[in-house]
Amino acid sequence: YEAVATKLRELYDTHQRPIGPTEIGLALGFDYQQA
């Protein structure tokens, strides 16, 4: 929960656009099929 919340904020701060669940999952190290 904390990792997803933190990664959402981190990616949003970097890219300044809405972030998809797949992008967050990939950034957390999950493979594409599970992200």
PDB file of all heavy atoms in Angstrom:
ATOM      1  N   TYR A   1       0.840  -1.199   0.000  1.00  0.00           N
ATOM      2  CA  TYR A   1       0.000   0.000   0.000  1.00  0.00           C
ATOM      3  C   TYR A   1       0.880   1.256   0.000  1.00  0.00           C
ATOM      4  O   TYR A   1       0.699   2.160  -0.812  1.00  0.00           O
ATOM      5  CB  TYR A   1      -0.908  -0.036   1.225  1.00  0.00           C
ATOM      6  CG  TYR A   1      -1.760   1.189   1.423  1.00  0.00           C
ATOM      7  CD1 TYR A   1      -2.979   1.307   0.788  1.00  0.00           C
ATOM      8  CD2 TYR A   1      -1.340   2.223   2.259  1.00  0.00           C
ATOM      9  CE1 TYR A   1      -3.780   2.432   0.968  1.00  0.00           C
ATOM     10  CE2 TYR A   1      -2.128   3.339   2.444  1.00  0.00           C
ATOM     11  CZ  TYR A   1      -3.340   3.439   1.801  1.00  0.00           C
ATOM     12  OH  TYR A   1      -4.117   4.553   1.982  1.00  0.00           O
ATOM     13  N   GLU A   2       1.835   1.291   0.909  1.00  0.00           N
ATOM     14  CA  GLU A   2       2.727   2.440   1.010  1.00  0.00           C
ATOM     15  C   GLU A   2       3.609   2.569  -0.227  1.00  0.00           C
ATOM     16  O   GLU A   2       3.859   3.679  -0.701  1.00  0.00           O
ATOM     17  CB  GLU A   2       3.576   2.351   2.270  1.00  0.00           C
ATOM     18  CG  GLU A   2       2.763   2.573   3.536  1.00  0.00           C
ATOM     19  CD  GLU A   2       3.586   2.432   4.807  1.00  0.00           C
ATOM     20  OE1 GLU A   2       4.827   2.318   4.713  1.00  0.00           O
ATOM     21  OE2 GLU A   2       2.972   2.438   5.880  1.00  0.00           O
ATOM     22  N   ALA A   3       4.062   1.439  -0.772  1.00  0.00           N
ATOM     23  CA  ALA A   3       4.913   1.463  -1.962  1.00  0.00           C
ATOM     24  C   ALA A   3       4.154   2.008  -3.164  1.00  0.00           C
ATOM     25  O   ALA A   3       4.685   2.835  -3.927  1.00  0.00           O
ATOM     26  CB  ALA A   3       5.446   0.061  -2.259  1.00  0.00           C
ATOM     27  N   VAL A   4       2.909   1.593  -3.351  1.00  0.00           N
ATOM     28  CA  VAL A   4       2.105   2.070  -4.479  1.00  0.00           C
ATOM     29  C   VAL A   4       1.804   3.557  -4.308  1.00  0.00           C
ATOM     30  O   VAL A   4       1.943   4.334  -5.260  1.00  0.00           O
ATOM     31  CB  VAL A   4       0.803   1.249  -4.627  1.00  0.00           C
ATOM     32  CG1 VAL A   4      -0.146   1.893  -5.621  1.00  0.00           C
ATOM     33  CG2 VAL A   4       1.132  -0.176  -5.057  1.00  0.00           C
ATOM     34  N   ALA A   5       1.419   3.974  -3.118  1.00  0.00           N
ATOM     35  CA  ALA A   5       1.113   5.386  -2.865  1.00  0.00           C
ATOM     36  C   ALA A   5       2.346   6.259  -3.103  1.00  0.00           C
ATOM     37  O   ALA A   5       2.260   7.314  -3.746  1.00  0.00           O
ATOM     38  CB  ALA A   5       0.594   5.569  -1.443  1.00  0.00           C
ATOM     39  N   THR A   6       3.478   5.817  -2.624  1.00  0.00           N
ATOM     40  CA  THR A   6       4.719   6.570  -2.786  1.00  0.00           C
ATOM     41  C   THR A   6       5.145   6.621  -4.239  1.00  0.00           C
ATOM     42  O   THR A   6       5.544   7.675  -4.754  1.00  0.00           O
ATOM     43  CB  THR A   6       5.835   5.949  -1.917  1.00  0.00           C
ATOM     44  OG1 THR A   6       5.412   5.975  -0.548  1.00  0.00           O
ATOM     45  CG2 THR A   6       7.143   6.701  -2.071  1.00  0.00           C
ATOM     46  N   LYS A   7       5.031   5.500  -4.938  1.00  0.00           N
ATOM     47  CA  LYS A   7       5.434   5.453  -6.350  1.00  0.00           C
ATOM     48  C   LYS A   7       4.502   6.308  -7.203  1.00  0.00           C
ATOM     49  O   LYS A   7       4.956   6.977  -8.142  1.00  0.00           O
ATOM     50  CB  LYS A   7       5.452   4.003  -6.845  1.00  0.00           C
ATOM     51  CG  LYS A   7       6.062   3.817  -8.207  1.00  0.00           C
ATOM     52  CD  LYS A   7       7.493   4.338  -8.304  1.00  0.00           C
ATOM     53  CE  LYS A   7       8.484   3.512  -7.549  1.00  0.00           C
ATOM     54  NZ  LYS A   7       9.882   3.971  -7.775  1.00  0.00           N
ATOM     55  N   LEU A   8       3.208   6.324  -6.907  1.00  0.00           N
ATOM     56  CA  LEU A   8       2.279   7.185  -7.628  1.00  0.00           C
ATOM     57  C   LEU A   8       2.711   8.640  -7.498  1.00  0.00           C
ATOM     58  O   LEU A   8       2.818   9.360  -8.487  1.00  0.00           O
ATOM     59  CB  LEU A   8       0.849   7.006  -7.101  1.00  0.00           C
ATOM     60  CG  LEU A   8      -0.193   8.008  -7.627  1.00  0.00           C
ATOM     61  CD1 LEU A   8      -0.338   7.916  -9.147  1.00  0.00           C
ATOM     62  CD2 LEU A   8      -1.521   7.789  -6.928  1.00  0.00           C
ATOM     63  N   ARG A   9       2.990   9.068  -6.284  1.00  0.00           N
ATOM     64  CA  ARG A   9       3.396  10.460  -6.061  1.00  0.00           C
ATOM     65  C   ARG A   9       4.734  10.749  -6.751  1.00  0.00           C
ATOM     66  O   ARG A   9       4.907  11.781  -7.392  1.00  0.00           O
ATOM     67  CB  ARG A   9       3.499  10.761  -4.571  1.00  0.00           C
ATOM     68  CG  ARG A   9       3.860  12.220  -4.310  1.00  0.00           C
ATOM     69  CD  ARG A   9       3.639  12.640  -2.878  1.00  0.00           C
ATOM     70  NE  ARG A   9       2.276  12.517  -2.435  1.00  0.00           N
ATOM     71  CZ  ARG A   9       1.304  13.401  -2.687  1.00  0.00           C
ATOM     72  NH1 ARG A   9       1.554  14.444  -3.423  1.00  0.00           N
ATOM     73  NH2 ARG A   9       0.103  13.218  -2.212  1.00  0.00           N
ATOM     74  N   GLU A  10       5.663   9.826  -6.646  1.00  0.00           N
ATOM     75  CA  GLU A  10       6.985  10.002  -7.254  1.00  0.00           C
ATOM     76  C   GLU A  10       6.887  10.133  -8.783  1.00  0.00           C
ATOM     77  O   GLU A  10       7.471  11.044  -9.377  1.00  0.00           O
ATOM     78  CB  GLU A  10       7.849   8.800  -6.883  1.00  0.00           C
ATOM     79  CG  GLU A  10       9.266   8.819  -7.358  1.00  0.00           C
ATOM     80  CD  GLU A  10       9.965   7.541  -6.923  1.00  0.00           C
ATOM     81  OE1 GLU A  10      10.115   7.326  -5.709  1.00  0.00           O
ATOM     82  OE2 GLU A  10      10.349   6.755  -7.812  1.00  0.00           O
ATOM     83  N   LEU A  11       6.136   9.227  -9.399  1.00  0.00           N
ATOM     84  CA  LEU A  11       5.979   9.276 -10.857  1.00  0.00           C
ATOM     85  C   LEU A  11       5.213  10.519 -11.293  1.00  0.00           C
ATOM     86  O   LEU A  11       5.550  11.144 -12.307  1.00  0.00           O
ATOM     87  CB  LEU A  11       5.284   8.009 -11.365  1.00  0.00           C
ATOM     88  CG  LEU A  11       6.099   6.725 -11.281  1.00  0.00           C
ATOM     89  CD1 LEU A  11       5.220   5.512 -11.588  1.00  0.00           C
ATOM     90  CD2 LEU A  11       7.289   6.778 -12.225  1.00  0.00           C
ATOM     91  N   TYR A  12       4.197  10.890 -10.527  1.00  0.00           N
ATOM     92  CA  TYR A  12       3.430  12.080 -10.866  1.00  0.00           C
ATOM     93  C   TYR A  12       4.305  13.327 -10.753  1.00  0.00           C
ATOM     94  O   TYR A  12       4.269  14.204 -11.619  1.00  0.00           O
ATOM     95  CB  TYR A  12       2.197  12.214  -9.973  1.00  0.00           C
ATOM     96  CG  TYR A  12       1.381  13.434 -10.310  1.00  0.00           C
ATOM     97  CD1 TYR A  12       0.528  13.428 -11.415  1.00  0.00           C
ATOM     98  CD2 TYR A  12       1.494  14.595  -9.566  1.00  0.00           C
ATOM     99  CE1 TYR A  12      -0.205  14.551 -11.754  1.00  0.00           C
ATOM    100  CE2 TYR A  12       0.763  15.728  -9.896  1.00  0.00           C
ATOM    101  CZ  TYR A  12      -0.076  15.695 -10.995  1.00  0.00           C
ATOM    102  OH  TYR A  12      -0.792  16.814 -11.333  1.00  0.00           O
ATOM    103  N   ASP A  13       5.091  13.415  -9.697  1.00  0.00           N
ATOM    104  CA  ASP A  13       5.982  14.569  -9.521  1.00  0.00           C
ATOM    105  C   ASP A  13       6.999  14.662 -10.651  1.00  0.00           C
ATOM    106  O   ASP A  13       7.338  15.750 -11.101  1.00  0.00           O
ATOM    107  CB  ASP A  13       6.703  14.498  -8.175  1.00  0.00           C
ATOM    108  CG  ASP A  13       5.781  14.765  -6.991  1.00  0.00           C
ATOM    109  OD1 ASP A  13       4.654  15.279  -7.204  1.00  0.00           O
ATOM    110  OD2 ASP A  13       6.183  14.449  -5.858  1.00  0.00           O
ATOM    111  N   THR A  14       7.466  13.520 -11.127  1.00  0.00           N
ATOM    112  CA  THR A  14       8.454  13.492 -12.204  1.00  0.00           C
ATOM    113  C   THR A  14       7.839  13.857 -13.546  1.00  0.00           C
ATOM    114  O   THR A  14       8.388  14.663 -14.292  1.00  0.00           O
ATOM    115  CB  THR A  14       9.097  12.091 -12.306  1.00  0.00           C
ATOM    116  OG1 THR A  14       9.729  11.791 -11.057  1.00  0.00           O
ATOM    117  CG2 THR A  14      10.115  12.029 -13.421  1.00  0.00           C
ATOM    118  N   HIS A  15       6.696  13.275 -13.873  1.00  0.00           N
ATOM    119  CA  HIS A  15       6.113  13.407 -15.216  1.00  0.00           C
ATOM    120  C   HIS A  15       5.009  14.454 -15.329  1.00  0.00           C
ATOM    121  O   HIS A  15       4.634  14.841 -16.439  1.00  0.00           O
ATOM    122  CB  HIS A  15       5.584  12.056 -15.693  1.00  0.00           C
ATOM    123  CG  HIS A  15       6.645  11.002 -15.739  1.00  0.00           C
ATOM    124  ND1 HIS A  15       7.682  11.034 -16.633  1.00  0.00           N
ATOM    125  CD2 HIS A  15       6.832   9.894 -14.985  1.00  0.00           C
ATOM    126  CE1 HIS A  15       8.462   9.983 -16.445  1.00  0.00           C
ATOM    127  NE2 HIS A  15       7.968   9.279 -15.441  1.00  0.00           N
ATOM    128  N   GLN A  16       4.431  14.868 -14.200  1.00  0.00           N
ATOM    129  CA  GLN A  16       3.346  15.863 -14.184  1.00  0.00           C
ATOM    130  C   GLN A  16       2.177  15.480 -15.090  1.00  0.00           C
ATOM    131  O   GLN A  16       1.663  16.295 -15.861  1.00  0.00           O
ATOM    132  CB  GLN A  16       3.890  17.250 -14.562  1.00  0.00           C
ATOM    133  CG  GLN A  16       4.822  17.824 -13.523  1.00  0.00           C
ATOM    134  CD  GLN A  16       4.147  18.039 -12.180  1.00  0.00           C
ATOM    135  OE1 GLN A  16       3.148  18.735 -12.092  1.00  0.00           O
ATOM    136  NE2 GLN A  16       4.684  17.434 -11.130  1.00  0.00           N
ATOM    137  N   ARG A  17       1.766  14.219 -15.001  1.00  0.00           N
ATOM    138  CA  ARG A  17       0.619  13.716 -15.760  1.00  0.00           C
ATOM    139  C   ARG A  17       0.024  12.548 -14.976  1.00  0.00           C
ATOM    140  O   ARG A  17       0.700  11.967 -14.125  1.00  0.00           O
ATOM    141  CB  ARG A  17       1.035  13.264 -17.151  1.00  0.00           C
ATOM    142  CG  ARG A  17       2.054  12.133 -17.157  1.00  0.00           C
ATOM    143  CD  ARG A  17       2.291  11.559 -18.535  1.00  0.00           C
ATOM    144  NE  ARG A  17       3.389  10.621 -18.546  1.00  0.00           N
ATOM    145  CZ  ARG A  17       3.365   9.387 -18.052  1.00  0.00           C
ATOM    146  NH1 ARG A  17       2.286   8.916 -17.462  1.00  0.00           N
ATOM    147  NH2 ARG A  17       4.421   8.600 -18.130  1.00  0.00           N
ATOM    148  N   PRO A  18      -1.222  12.177 -15.248  1.00  0.00           N
ATOM    149  CA  PRO A  18      -1.795  11.002 -14.586  1.00  0.00           C
ATOM    150  C   PRO A  18      -0.989   9.741 -14.901  1.00  0.00           C
ATOM    151  O   PRO A  18      -0.436   9.599 -15.997  1.00  0.00           O
ATOM    152  CB  PRO A  18      -3.203  10.912 -15.173  1.00  0.00           C
ATOM    153  CG  PRO A  18      -3.509  12.308 -15.605  1.00  0.00           C
ATOM    154  CD  PRO A  18      -2.192  12.863 -16.097  1.00  0.00           C
ATOM    155  N   ILE A  19      -0.950   8.827 -13.941  1.00  0.00           N
ATOM    156  CA  ILE A  19      -0.133   7.618 -14.045  1.00  0.00           C
ATOM    157  C   ILE A  19      -1.044   6.392 -14.029  1.00  0.00           C
ATOM    158  O   ILE A  19      -1.942   6.283 -13.193  1.00  0.00           O
ATOM    159  CB  ILE A  19       0.862   7.531 -12.863  1.00  0.00           C
ATOM    160  CG1 ILE A  19       1.676   8.833 -12.721  1.00  0.00           C
ATOM    161  CG2 ILE A  19       1.769   6.319 -13.002  1.00  0.00           C
ATOM    162  CD1 ILE A  19       2.553   9.183 -13.887  1.00  0.00           C
ATOM    163  N   GLY A  20      -0.792   5.453 -14.921  1.00  0.00           N
ATOM    164  CA  GLY A  20      -1.587   4.231 -14.996  1.00  0.00           C
ATOM    165  C   GLY A  20      -1.083   3.155 -14.052  1.00  0.00           C
ATOM    166  O   GLY A  20       0.077   3.151 -13.651  1.00  0.00           O
ATOM    167  N   PRO A  21      -1.965   2.223 -13.697  1.00  0.00           N
ATOM    168  CA  PRO A  21      -1.579   1.149 -12.778  1.00  0.00           C
ATOM    169  C   PRO A  21      -0.456   0.268 -13.325  1.00  0.00           C
ATOM    170  O   PRO A  21       0.401  -0.191 -12.573  1.00  0.00           O
ATOM    171  CB  PRO A  21      -2.858   0.348 -12.564  1.00  0.00           C
ATOM    172  CG  PRO A  21      -3.838   0.843 -13.551  1.00  0.00           C
ATOM    173  CD  PRO A  21      -3.366   2.155 -14.063  1.00  0.00           C
ATOM    174  N   THR A  22      -0.426   0.057 -14.639  1.00  0.00           N
ATOM    175  CA  THR A  22       0.640  -0.756 -15.222  1.00  0.00           C
ATOM    176  C   THR A  22       1.987  -0.066 -15.043  1.00  0.00           C
ATOM    177  O   THR A  22       2.984  -0.704 -14.667  1.00  0.00           O
ATOM    178  CB  THR A  22       0.379  -1.034 -16.713  1.00  0.00           C
ATOM    179  OG1 THR A  22      -0.872  -1.711 -16.832  1.00  0.00           O
ATOM    180  CG2 THR A  22       1.475  -1.903 -17.317  1.00  0.00           C
ATOM    181  N   GLU A  23       2.025   1.216 -15.288  1.00  0.00           N
ATOM    182  CA  GLU A  23       3.274   1.971 -15.146  1.00  0.00           C
ATOM    183  C   GLU A  23       3.788   1.927 -13.704  1.00  0.00           C
ATOM    184  O   GLU A  23       4.990   1.771 -13.461  1.00  0.00           O
ATOM    185  CB  GLU A  23       3.040   3.419 -15.580  1.00  0.00           C
ATOM    186  CG  GLU A  23       4.282   4.258 -15.623  1.00  0.00           C
ATOM    187  CD  GLU A  23       4.044   5.655 -16.172  1.00  0.00           C
ATOM    188  OE1 GLU A  23       2.905   5.973 -16.591  1.00  0.00           O
ATOM    189  OE2 GLU A  23       5.011   6.437 -16.184  1.00  0.00           O
ATOM    190  N   ILE A  24       2.880   2.038 -12.755  1.00  0.00           N
ATOM    191  CA  ILE A  24       3.272   1.964 -11.344  1.00  0.00           C
ATOM    192  C   ILE A  24       3.803   0.570 -11.025  1.00  0.00           C
ATOM    193  O   ILE A  24       4.850   0.418 -10.398  1.00  0.00           O
ATOM    194  CB  ILE A  24       2.091   2.321 -10.424  1.00  0.00           C
ATOM    195  CG1 ILE A  24       1.694   3.781 -10.640  1.00  0.00           C
ATOM    196  CG2 ILE A  24       2.439   2.067  -8.960  1.00  0.00           C
ATOM    197  CD1 ILE A  24       0.371   4.168 -10.031  1.00  0.00           C
ATOM    198  N   GLY A  25       3.080  -0.451 -11.462  1.00  0.00           N
ATOM    199  CA  GLY A  25       3.509  -1.826 -11.206  1.00  0.00           C
ATOM    200  C   GLY A  25       4.862  -2.133 -11.812  1.00  0.00           C
ATOM    201  O   GLY A  25       5.708  -2.776 -11.175  1.00  0.00           O
ATOM    202  N   LEU A  26       5.090  -1.676 -13.028  1.00  0.00           N
ATOM    203  CA  LEU A  26       6.400  -1.894 -13.666  1.00  0.00           C
ATOM    204  C   LEU A  26       7.503  -1.184 -12.892  1.00  0.00           C
ATOM    205  O   LEU A  26       8.591  -1.737 -12.702  1.00  0.00           O
ATOM    206  CB  LEU A  26       6.368  -1.419 -15.120  1.00  0.00           C
ATOM    207  CG  LEU A  26       5.508  -2.250 -16.075  1.00  0.00           C
ATOM    208  CD1 LEU A  26       5.406  -1.568 -17.432  1.00  0.00           C
ATOM    209  CD2 LEU A  26       6.071  -3.656 -16.223  1.00  0.00           C
ATOM    210  N   ALA A  27       7.217   0.027 -12.429  1.00  0.00           N
ATOM    211  CA  ALA A  27       8.207   0.783 -11.657  1.00  0.00           C
ATOM    212  C   ALA A  27       8.513   0.104 -10.325  1.00  0.00           C
ATOM    213  O   ALA A  27       9.611   0.262  -9.781  1.00  0.00           O
ATOM    214  CB  ALA A  27       7.708   2.203 -11.424  1.00  0.00           C
ATOM    215  N   LEU A  28       7.559  -0.678  -9.815  1.00  0.00           N
ATOM    216  CA  LEU A  28       7.784  -1.410  -8.566  1.00  0.00           C
ATOM    217  C   LEU A  28       8.447  -2.770  -8.786  1.00  0.00           C
ATOM    218  O   LEU A  28       8.713  -3.484  -7.837  1.00  0.00           O
ATOM    219  CB  LEU A  28       6.459  -1.598  -7.823  1.00  0.00           C
ATOM    220  CG  LEU A  28       5.861  -0.324  -7.225  1.00  0.00           C
ATOM    221  CD1 LEU A  28       4.464  -0.592  -6.691  1.00  0.00           C
ATOM    222  CD2 LEU A  28       6.762   0.222  -6.124  1.00  0.00           C
ATOM    223  N   GLY A  29       8.669  -3.124 -10.053  1.00  0.00           N
ATOM    224  CA  GLY A  29       9.392  -4.355 -10.344  1.00  0.00           C
ATOM    225  C   GLY A  29       8.535  -5.543 -10.734  1.00  0.00           C
ATOM    226  O   GLY A  29       9.060  -6.642 -10.904  1.00  0.00           O
ATOM    227  N   PHE A  30       7.226  -5.363 -10.879  1.00  0.00           N
ATOM    228  CA  PHE A  30       6.375  -6.468 -11.320  1.00  0.00           C
ATOM    229  C   PHE A  30       6.517  -6.646 -12.821  1.00  0.00           C
ATOM    230  O   PHE A  30       6.797  -5.683 -13.544  1.00  0.00           O
ATOM    231  CB  PHE A  30       4.904  -6.208 -10.973  1.00  0.00           C
ATOM    232  CG  PHE A  30       4.643  -6.169  -9.504  1.00  0.00           C
ATOM    233  CD1 PHE A  30       4.312  -4.982  -8.871  1.00  0.00           C
ATOM    234  CD2 PHE A  30       4.735  -7.320  -8.735  1.00  0.00           C
ATOM    235  CE1 PHE A  30       4.076  -4.934  -7.515  1.00  0.00           C
ATOM    236  CE2 PHE A  30       4.497  -7.288  -7.368  1.00  0.00           C
ATOM    237  CZ  PHE A  30       4.172  -6.092  -6.755  1.00  0.00           C
ATOM    238  N   ASP A  31       6.335  -7.861 -13.299  1.00  0.00           N
ATOM    239  CA  ASP A  31       6.391  -8.063 -14.742  1.00  0.00           C
ATOM    240  C   ASP A  31       5.110  -7.518 -15.371  1.00  0.00           C
ATOM    241  O   ASP A  31       4.121  -7.258 -14.696  1.00  0.00           O
ATOM    242  CB  ASP A  31       6.642  -9.525 -15.118  1.00  0.00           C
ATOM    243  CG  ASP A  31       5.551 -10.484 -14.668  1.00  0.00           C
ATOM    244  OD1 ASP A  31       4.367 -10.097 -14.681  1.00  0.00           O
ATOM    245  OD2 ASP A  31       5.879 -11.629 -14.337  1.00  0.00           O
ATOM    246  N   TYR A  32       5.157  -7.325 -16.675  1.00  0.00           N
ATOM    247  CA  TYR A  32       4.067  -6.660 -17.388  1.00  0.00           C
ATOM    248  C   TYR A  32       2.720  -7.349 -17.163  1.00  0.00           C
ATOM    249  O   TYR A  32       1.698  -6.682 -17.007  1.00  0.00           O
ATOM    250  CB  TYR A  32       4.385  -6.591 -18.888  1.00  0.00           C
ATOM    251  CG  TYR A  32       3.347  -5.831 -19.668  1.00  0.00           C
ATOM    252  CD1 TYR A  32       3.346  -4.445 -19.687  1.00  0.00           C
ATOM    253  CD2 TYR A  32       2.343  -6.504 -20.367  1.00  0.00           C
ATOM    254  CE1 TYR A  32       2.376  -3.730 -20.378  1.00  0.00           C
ATOM    255  CE2 TYR A  32       1.376  -5.797 -21.071  1.00  0.00           C
ATOM    256  CZ  TYR A  32       1.398  -4.420 -21.066  1.00  0.00           C
ATOM    257  OH  TYR A  32       0.438  -3.721 -21.746  1.00  0.00           O
ATOM    258  N   GLN A  33       2.714  -8.692 -17.138  1.00  0.00           N
ATOM    259  CA  GLN A  33       1.454  -9.432 -17.000  1.00  0.00           C
ATOM    260  C   GLN A  33       0.800  -9.233 -15.630  1.00  0.00           C
ATOM    261  O   GLN A  33      -0.397  -9.412 -15.485  1.00  0.00           O
ATOM    262  CB  GLN A  33       1.681 -10.932 -17.236  1.00  0.00           C
ATOM    263  CG  GLN A  33       1.976 -11.305 -18.667  1.00  0.00           C
ATOM    264  CD  GLN A  33       3.406 -10.972 -19.103  1.00  0.00           C
ATOM    265  OE1 GLN A  33       4.292 -10.808 -18.274  1.00  0.00           O
ATOM    266  NE2 GLN A  33       3.617 -10.874 -20.402  1.00  0.00           N
ATOM    267  N   GLN A  34       1.576  -8.881 -14.615  1.00  0.00           N
ATOM    268  CA  GLN A  34       1.031  -8.718 -13.266  1.00  0.00           C
ATOM    269  C   GLN A  34       0.963  -7.273 -12.806  1.00  0.00           C
ATOM    270  O   GLN A  34       0.314  -6.976 -11.800  1.00  0.00           O
ATOM    271  CB  GLN A  34       1.874  -9.491 -12.261  1.00  0.00           C
ATOM    272  CG  GLN A  34       1.832 -10.977 -12.410  1.00  0.00           C
ATOM    273  CD  GLN A  34       2.632 -11.645 -11.312  1.00  0.00           C
ATOM    274  OE1 GLN A  34       3.396 -11.006 -10.601  1.00  0.00           O
ATOM    275  NE2 GLN A  34       2.466 -12.945 -11.179  1.00  0.00           N
ATOM    276  N   ALA A  35       1.613  -6.374 -13.507  1.00  0.00           N
ATOM    277  CA  ALA A  35       1.771  -5.002 -13.023  1.00  0.00           C
ATOM    278  C   ALA A  35       0.441  -4.338 -12.681  1.00  0.00           C
ATOM    279  O   ALA A  35       0.275  -3.800 -11.580  1.00  0.00           O
ATOM    280  CB  ALA A  35       2.545  -4.177 -14.042  1.00  0.00           C
TER     281      ALA A  35
END
